[in-house]
C-alpha atoms as a PDB file:
ATOM      1  CA  MET A   1      -5.230 -23.831   1.625  1.00  0.00           C
ATOM      2  CA  MET A   2      -6.131 -21.870   4.779  1.00  0.00           C
ATOM      3  CA  LEU A   3      -2.093 -21.301   5.423  1.00  0.00           C
ATOM      4  CA  GLU A   4      -1.789 -20.196   1.996  1.00  0.00           C
ATOM      5  CA  PHE A   5      -4.989 -17.889   2.358  1.00  0.00           C
ATOM      6  CA  LEU A   6      -3.395 -16.232   5.613  1.00  0.00           C
ATOM      7  CA  SER A   7       0.225 -15.938   3.990  1.00  0.00           C
ATOM      8  CA  ALA A   8      -1.187 -14.197   0.885  1.00  0.00           C
ATOM      9  CA  SER A   9      -3.463 -11.840   3.118  1.00  0.00           C
ATOM     10  CA  THR A  10      -0.572 -11.072   5.165  1.00  0.00           C
ATOM     11  CA  LEU A  11       1.538 -10.020   2.337  1.00  0.00           C
ATOM     12  CA  LEU A  12      -0.932  -7.617   1.076  1.00  0.00           C
ATOM     13  CA  PHE A  13      -1.472  -6.207   4.661  1.00  0.00           C
ATOM     14  CA  MET A  14       2.103  -5.771   5.102  1.00  0.00           C
ATOM     15  CA  LEU A  15       2.487  -3.913   1.843  1.00  0.00           C
ATOM     16  CA  LEU A  16      -0.670  -1.744   2.381  1.00  0.00           C
ATOM     17  CA  ASN A  17       0.742  -1.304   5.976  1.00  0.00           C
ATOM     18  CA  PRO A  18      -1.957   1.065   7.630  1.00  0.00           C
ATOM     19  CA  PHE A  19       0.579   2.080  10.472  1.00  0.00           C
ATOM     20  CA  LEU A  20       2.698   3.547   7.862  1.00  0.00           C
ATOM     21  CA  LEU A  21      -0.201   5.123   5.787  1.00  0.00           C
ATOM     22  CA  VAL A  22      -1.153   7.040   8.602  1.00  0.00           C
ATOM     23  CA  VAL A  23       2.319   8.591   9.012  1.00  0.00           C
ATOM     24  CA  TYR A  24       1.893   9.471   5.392  1.00  0.00           C
ATOM     25  CA  LEU A  25      -1.607  10.967   6.114  1.00  0.00           C
ATOM     26  CA  ILE A  26      -0.728  13.021   9.117  1.00  0.00           C
ATOM     27  CA  ASP A  27      -1.944  16.163   7.552  1.00  0.00           C
ATOM     28  CA  VAL A  28      -5.264  14.834   6.722  1.00  0.00           C
ATOM     29  CA  PHE A  29      -5.519  13.425  10.185  1.00  0.00           C
ATOM     30  CA  GLN A  30      -5.156  16.962  11.460  1.00  0.00           C
ATOM     31  CA  LYS A  31      -7.700  18.587   9.170  1.00  0.00           C
ATOM     32  CA  LEU A  32     -10.686  15.985   9.038  1.00  0.00           C
ATOM     33  CA  SER A  33     -13.074  14.807  11.672  1.00  0.00           C
ATOM     34  CA  THR A  34     -13.032  11.107  12.495  1.00  0.00           C
ATOM     35  CA  ALA A  35     -16.387  10.721  10.663  1.00  0.00           C
ATOM     36  CA  ILE A  36     -15.374  12.541   7.438  1.00  0.00           C
ATOM     37  CA  PHE A  37     -11.923  10.611   7.581  1.00  0.00           C
ATOM     38  CA  ALA A  38     -13.583   7.259   7.938  1.00  0.00           C
ATOM     39  CA  ARG A  39     -15.871   8.043   4.705  1.00  0.00           C
ATOM     40  CA  VAL A  40     -12.804   9.104   2.883  1.00  0.00           C
ATOM     41  CA  ILE A  41     -10.771   6.016   3.722  1.00  0.00           C
ATOM     42  CA  LEU A  42     -13.660   3.852   3.133  1.00  0.00           C
ATOM     43  CA  ARG A  43     -13.954   5.312  -0.293  1.00  0.00           C
ATOM     44  CA  ALA A  44     -10.299   4.949  -0.974  1.00  0.00           C
ATOM     45  CA  GLY A  45     -10.428   1.426   0.189  1.00  0.00           C
ATOM     46  CA  CYS A  46     -13.486   0.745  -2.356  1.00  0.00           C
ATOM     47  CA  ILE A  47     -11.269   2.063  -5.123  1.00  0.00           C
ATOM     48  CA  SER A  48      -8.334  -0.184  -4.095  1.00  0.00           C
ATOM     49  CA  ILE A  49     -10.372  -3.272  -3.865  1.00  0.00           C
ATOM     50  CA  GLY A  50     -11.667  -2.646  -7.524  1.00  0.00           C
ATOM     51  CA  VAL A  51      -8.110  -2.227  -8.732  1.00  0.00           C
ATOM     52  CA  PHE A  52      -6.689  -5.194  -6.771  1.00  0.00           C
ATOM     53  CA  THR A  53      -9.640  -7.548  -7.898  1.00  0.00           C
ATOM     54  CA  PHE A  54      -9.143  -6.660 -11.360  1.00  0.00           C
ATOM     55  CA  SER A  55      -5.248  -7.211 -10.868  1.00  0.00           C
ATOM     56  CA  ALA A  56      -5.742 -10.656  -9.175  1.00  0.00           C
ATOM     57  CA  LEU A  57      -8.233 -11.876 -11.817  1.00  0.00           C
ATOM     58  CA  LEU A  58      -6.678 -10.377 -15.077  1.00  0.00           C
ATOM     59  CA  GLY A  59      -3.598  -9.010 -14.181  1.00  0.00           C
ATOM     60  CA  GLU A  60      -1.278 -11.775 -15.515  1.00  0.00           C
ATOM     61  CA  MET A  61      -3.216 -11.823 -18.688  1.00  0.00           C
ATOM     62  CA  VAL A  62      -3.094  -8.207 -19.383  1.00  0.00           C
ATOM     63  CA  PHE A  63       0.622  -8.185 -18.965  1.00  0.00           C
ATOM     64  CA  ARG A  64       1.148 -11.212 -21.217  1.00  0.00           C
ATOM     65  CA  ASP A  65      -1.745 -10.834 -23.759  1.00  0.00           C
ATOM     66  CA  ILE A  66      -2.254  -7.004 -24.172  1.00  0.00           C
ATOM     67  CA  LEU A  67       0.714  -5.225 -22.940  1.00  0.00           C
ATOM     68  CA  GLN A  68       3.022  -8.124 -24.250  1.00  0.00           C
ATOM     69  CA  ALA A  69       5.403  -7.636 -21.314  1.00  0.00           C
ATOM     70  CA  ARG A  70       6.842  -9.810 -18.858  1.00  0.00           C
ATOM     71  CA  PHE A  71       5.510  -9.696 -15.036  1.00  0.00           C
ATOM     72  CA  ALA A  72       9.151  -9.714 -14.090  1.00  0.00           C
ATOM     73  CA  ALA A  73       9.643  -6.245 -15.918  1.00  0.00           C
ATOM     74  CA  PHE A  74       6.637  -4.710 -13.716  1.00  0.00           C
ATOM     75  CA  GLN A  75       8.174  -6.213 -10.340  1.00  0.00           C
ATOM     76  CA  ILE A  76      11.803  -4.618 -11.226  1.00  0.00           C
ATOM     77  CA  PHE A  77      10.134  -1.267 -12.459  1.00  0.00           C
ATOM     78  CA  GLY A  78       7.714  -1.286  -9.466  1.00  0.00           C
ATOM     79  CA  GLY A  79      10.294  -2.283  -6.959  1.00  0.00           C
ATOM     80  CA  ILE A  80      12.450   0.738  -8.210  1.00  0.00           C
ATOM     81  CA  VAL A  81       9.539   3.124  -7.971  1.00  0.00           C
ATOM     82  CA  PHE A  82       8.763   1.883  -4.437  1.00  0.00           C
ATOM     83  CA  LEU A  83      12.412   2.062  -3.352  1.00  0.00           C
ATOM     84  CA  LEU A  84      12.450   5.802  -4.488  1.00  0.00           C
ATOM     85  CA  ILE A  85       9.383   6.595  -2.514  1.00  0.00           C
ATOM     86  CA  GLY A  86      11.024   4.833   0.617  1.00  0.00           C
ATOM     87  CA  LEU A  87      14.096   6.784   0.068  1.00  0.00           C
ATOM     88  CA  ARG A  88      12.405  10.275  -0.257  1.00  0.00           C
ATOM     89  CA  PHE A  89      10.579   9.506   2.955  1.00  0.00           C
ATOM     90  CA  VAL A  90      13.713   8.395   4.790  1.00  0.00           C
ATOM     91  CA  PHE A  91      15.573  11.748   3.860  1.00  0.00           C
ATOM     92  CA  HIS A  92      12.656  14.226   3.557  1.00  0.00           C
ATOM     93  CA  GLY A  93      10.042  12.959   6.116  1.00  0.00           C
ATOM     94  CA  ASN A  94       6.121  13.589   5.795  1.00  0.00           C
ATOM     95  CA  ALA A  95       6.980  16.463   3.263  1.00  0.00           C
ATOM     96  CA  ALA A  96       7.923  13.913   0.739  1.00  0.00           C
ATOM     97  CA  ILE A  97       4.559  11.965   0.642  1.00  0.00           C
ATOM     98  CA  GLU A  98       2.537  15.232   0.648  1.00  0.00           C
ATOM     99  CA  ALA A  99       4.309  16.254  -2.626  1.00  0.00           C
ATOM    100  CA  LEU A 100       3.528  12.648  -4.096  1.00  0.00           C
ATOM    101  CA  ARG A 101      -0.134  12.775  -3.271  1.00  0.00           C
ATOM    102  CA  GLY A 102      -0.474  16.389  -4.546  1.00  0.00           C
ATOM    103  CA  GLU A 103      -3.649  18.491  -4.150  1.00  0.00           C
ATOM    104  CA  SER A 104      -6.439  17.297  -1.953  1.00  0.00           C
ATOM    105  CA  ARG A 105      -9.411  18.243  -3.875  1.00  0.00           C
ATOM    106  CA  TYR A 106     -10.199  14.484  -4.630  1.00  0.00           C
ATOM    107  CA  ILE A 107      -8.740  13.195  -1.438  1.00  0.00           C
ATOM    108  CA  ALA A 108     -10.126   9.565  -1.558  1.00  0.00           C
ATOM    109  CA  GLY A 109      -8.456   9.067  -5.074  1.00  0.00           C
ATOM    110  CA  ALA A 110      -5.227  10.840  -3.866  1.00  0.00           C
ATOM    111  CA  ILE A 111      -4.948   8.206  -1.033  1.00  0.00           C
ATOM    112  CA  ALA A 112      -5.822   5.287  -3.028  1.00  0.00           C
ATOM    113  CA  MET A 113      -3.245   6.098  -5.467  1.00  0.00           C
ATOM    114  CA  PRO A 114      -0.054   6.267  -5.006  1.00  0.00           C
ATOM    115  CA  LEU A 115      -0.485   5.360  -1.262  1.00  0.00           C
ATOM    116  CA  MET A 116      -2.787   2.172  -1.303  1.00  0.00           C
ATOM    117  CA  ILE A 117      -2.439   1.102  -4.941  1.00  0.00           C
ATOM    118  CA  GLY A 118       1.204   1.010  -5.724  1.00  0.00           C
ATOM    119  CA  PRO A 119       3.574  -1.284  -7.569  1.00  0.00           C
ATOM    120  CA  GLY A 120       3.862  -3.573  -4.520  1.00  0.00           C
ATOM    121  CA  THR A 121       0.077  -3.928  -3.894  1.00  0.00           C
ATOM    122  CA  ILE A 122      -0.624  -4.562  -7.478  1.00  0.00           C
ATOM    123  CA  GLY A 123       2.040  -7.109  -7.566  1.00  0.00           C
ATOM    124  CA  ALA A 124       0.859  -8.907  -4.656  1.00  0.00           C
ATOM    125  CA  SER A 125      -2.647  -8.830  -5.919  1.00  0.00           C
ATOM    126  CA  ILE A 126      -1.512 -10.630  -9.086  1.00  0.00           C
ATOM    127  CA  LEU A 127       0.393 -13.346  -7.017  1.00  0.00           C
ATOM    128  CA  ILE A 128      -2.755 -13.751  -4.744  1.00  0.00           C
ATOM    129  CA  GLY A 129      -4.739 -14.253  -7.842  1.00  0.00           C
ATOM    130  CA  LYS A 130      -2.153 -17.055  -8.820  1.00  0.00           C
ATOM    131  CA  ARG A 131      -2.045 -18.706  -5.673  1.00  0.00           C
ATOM    132  CA  LEU A 132      -5.638 -18.852  -4.485  1.00  0.00           C
ATOM    133  CA  GLY A 133      -7.883 -18.757  -7.465  1.00  0.00           C
ATOM    134  CA  PRO A 134     -10.562 -16.431  -8.178  1.00  0.00           C
ATOM    135  CA  GLY A 135     -13.142 -16.845  -5.236  1.00  0.00           C
ATOM    136  CA  LEU A 136     -10.430 -16.816  -2.364  1.00  0.00           C
ATOM    137  CA  ALA A 137      -8.323 -14.142  -4.043  1.00  0.00           C
ATOM    138  CA  VAL A 138     -11.395 -11.803  -4.014  1.00  0.00           C
ATOM    139  CA  LEU A 139     -12.292 -12.701  -0.368  1.00  0.00           C
ATOM    140  CA  SER A 140      -8.584 -12.201   0.667  1.00  0.00           C
ATOM    141  CA  ILE A 141      -8.487  -8.761  -1.077  1.00  0.00           C
ATOM    142  CA  PHE A 142     -11.729  -7.452   0.382  1.00  0.00           C
ATOM    143  CA  LEU A 143     -10.902  -8.615   4.039  1.00  0.00           C
ATOM    144  CA  THR A 144      -7.367  -7.152   3.895  1.00  0.00           C
ATOM    145  CA  VAL A 145      -8.484  -3.887   2.460  1.00  0.00           C
ATOM    146  CA  LEU A 146     -11.287  -3.807   5.043  1.00  0.00           C
ATOM    147  CA  LEU A 147      -9.036  -4.412   8.094  1.00  0.00           C
ATOM    148  CA  SER A 148      -6.564  -1.947   6.832  1.00  0.00           C
ATOM    149  CA  ALA A 149      -9.245   0.762   6.794  1.00  0.00           C
ATOM    150  CA  ALA A 150     -10.365  -0.281  10.113  1.00  0.00           C
ATOM    151  CA  VAL A 151      -6.989  -0.010  11.729  1.00  0.00           C
ATOM    152  CA  MET A 152      -6.320   3.611  10.043  1.00  0.00           C
ATOM    153  CA  ILE A 153      -9.769   4.898  11.320  1.00  0.00           C
ATOM    154  CA  LEU A 154      -8.856   3.474  14.847  1.00  0.00           C
ATOM    155  CA  LEU A 155      -5.486   5.022  14.871  1.00  0.00           C
ATOM    156  CA  LYS A 156      -7.156   8.310  13.710  1.00  0.00           C
ATOM    157  CA  ARG A 157      -9.317   8.168  16.949  1.00  0.00           C
ATOM    158  CA  ILE A 158      -6.227   7.364  19.055  1.00  0.00           C
ATOM    159  CA  HIS A 159      -4.387  10.327  17.263  1.00  0.00           C
ATOM    160  CA  ASP A 160      -7.253  12.815  18.282  1.00  0.00           C
ATOM    161  CA  VAL A 161      -7.070  11.733  21.941  1.00  0.00           C
ATOM    162  CA  VAL A 162      -3.500  11.737  22.286  1.00  0.00           C
ATOM    163  CA  ARG A 163      -2.775  15.040  20.419  1.00  0.00           C
ATOM    164  CA  SER A 164      -5.024  16.913  22.676  1.00  0.00           C
ATOM    165  CA  HIS A 165      -2.832  15.995  25.605  1.00  0.00           C
ATOM    166  CA  ASN A 166       0.662  15.909  24.131  1.00  0.00           C
ATOM    167  CA  GLU A 167       0.835  17.213  20.457  1.00  0.00           C
ATOM    168  CA  PRO A 168       4.739  18.020  20.269  1.00  0.00           C
ATOM    169  CA  MET A 169       5.778  14.375  21.649  1.00  0.00           C
ATOM    170  CA  LEU A 170       3.239  12.977  19.139  1.00  0.00           C
ATOM    171  CA  GLU A 171       4.724  14.791  16.174  1.00  0.00           C
ATOM    172  CA  ARG A 172       8.126  13.684  17.163  1.00  0.00           C
ATOM    173  CA  TYR A 173       6.986  10.074  17.301  1.00  0.00           C
ATOM    174  CA  ILE A 174       5.196  10.216  13.778  1.00  0.00           C
ATOM    175  CA  GLU A 175       8.475  11.699  12.167  1.00  0.00           C
ATOM    176  CA  VAL A 176      10.793   8.947  13.872  1.00  0.00           C
ATOM    177  CA  ALA A 177       8.186   6.233  13.052  1.00  0.00           C
ATOM    178  CA  GLY A 178       7.717   7.171   9.611  1.00  0.00           C
ATOM    179  CA  ARG A 179      11.448   7.252   8.723  1.00  0.00           C
ATOM    180  CA  ILE A 180      11.763   3.726  10.436  1.00  0.00           C
ATOM    181  CA  THR A 181       8.662   2.093   8.586  1.00  0.00           C
ATOM    182  CA  ALA A 182       9.992   3.554   5.532  1.00  0.00           C
ATOM    183  CA  LEU A 183      13.092   1.235   5.720  1.00  0.00           C
ATOM    184  CA  VAL A 184      10.572  -1.616   5.607  1.00  0.00           C
ATOM    185  CA  VAL A 185       9.172  -0.270   2.247  1.00  0.00           C
ATOM    186  CA  GLY A 186      12.588  -0.055   1.064  1.00  0.00           C
ATOM    187  CA  THR A 187      13.147  -3.575   1.968  1.00  0.00           C
ATOM    188  CA  PHE A 188      10.002  -4.938   0.208  1.00  0.00           C
ATOM    189  CA  ALA A 189      11.204  -2.861  -2.709  1.00  0.00           C
ATOM    190  CA  LEU A 190      14.551  -4.582  -3.217  1.00  0.00           C
ATOM    191  CA  GLU A 191      12.691  -7.976  -2.767  1.00  0.00           C
ATOM    192  CA  MET A 192      10.362  -7.114  -5.422  1.00  0.00           C
ATOM    193  CA  ILE A 193      13.520  -6.003  -7.768  1.00  0.00           C
ATOM    194  CA  MET A 194      15.261  -9.502  -6.818  1.00  0.00           C
ATOM    195  CA  GLN A 195      12.169 -11.477  -7.554  1.00  0.00           C
ATOM    196  CA  GLY A 196      11.575  -9.791 -10.898  1.00  0.00           C
ATOM    197  CA  ALA A 197      15.351 -10.364 -11.615  1.00  0.00           C
ATOM    198  CA  GLU A 198      15.056 -13.994 -10.713  1.00  0.00           C
ATOM    199  CA  GLY A 199      11.894 -14.513 -12.993  1.00  0.00           C
ATOM    200  CA  TRP A 200      13.746 -12.686 -15.751  1.00  0.00           C
ATOM    201  CA  LEU A 201      16.883 -15.026 -15.338  1.00  0.00           C
ATOM    202  CA  ARG A 202      14.781 -18.186 -15.331  1.00  0.00           C
ATOM    203  CA  THR A 203      13.726 -17.354 -18.843  1.00  0.00           C
ATOM    204  CA  PHE A 204      17.313 -17.969 -20.042  1.00  0.00           C
ATOM    205  CA  PHE A 205      18.150 -21.269 -17.833  1.00  0.00           C
END
């Protein structure tokens, strides 16, 4: 059970990917102080925990009984959306995610969705609920989102120190790192599509 808990938590952490999120949020990094950024990230984390917990506890039932849709359909559609986000970032860099996030008047909500709450993380939360059961699923989600938020706050502090010494090199690194990690997003997206297709095909065989 401990291995299952670690495996499920690692999956959600990889999909949240705080190292990629901070690349998406570089404009927010530059505008906000560390204290304000920490408050914003923690609010976004609370929103995400609520959505992920709901997905883990009721997600599959909502798809089956209310929406009357197969979870496989969500995986395929979510994978396509995730893939498009990854492709946009590969070709257009940080400007692509700024356009997706929109205006920053309600920045915590804008960070939570679509950056933290997306097809991949919701799908992972549903799978965590199926694998671990209610209690462990909620604990896994809480600890994973909290760890992701802590990593982003730490990276914000590191960014502020490094930026004051060598801003051009930092911006170049962020641009390259963002495009490379976007390839990981695309890989997860294709995996979601393939898992959804496999689940759909199993209904026929």
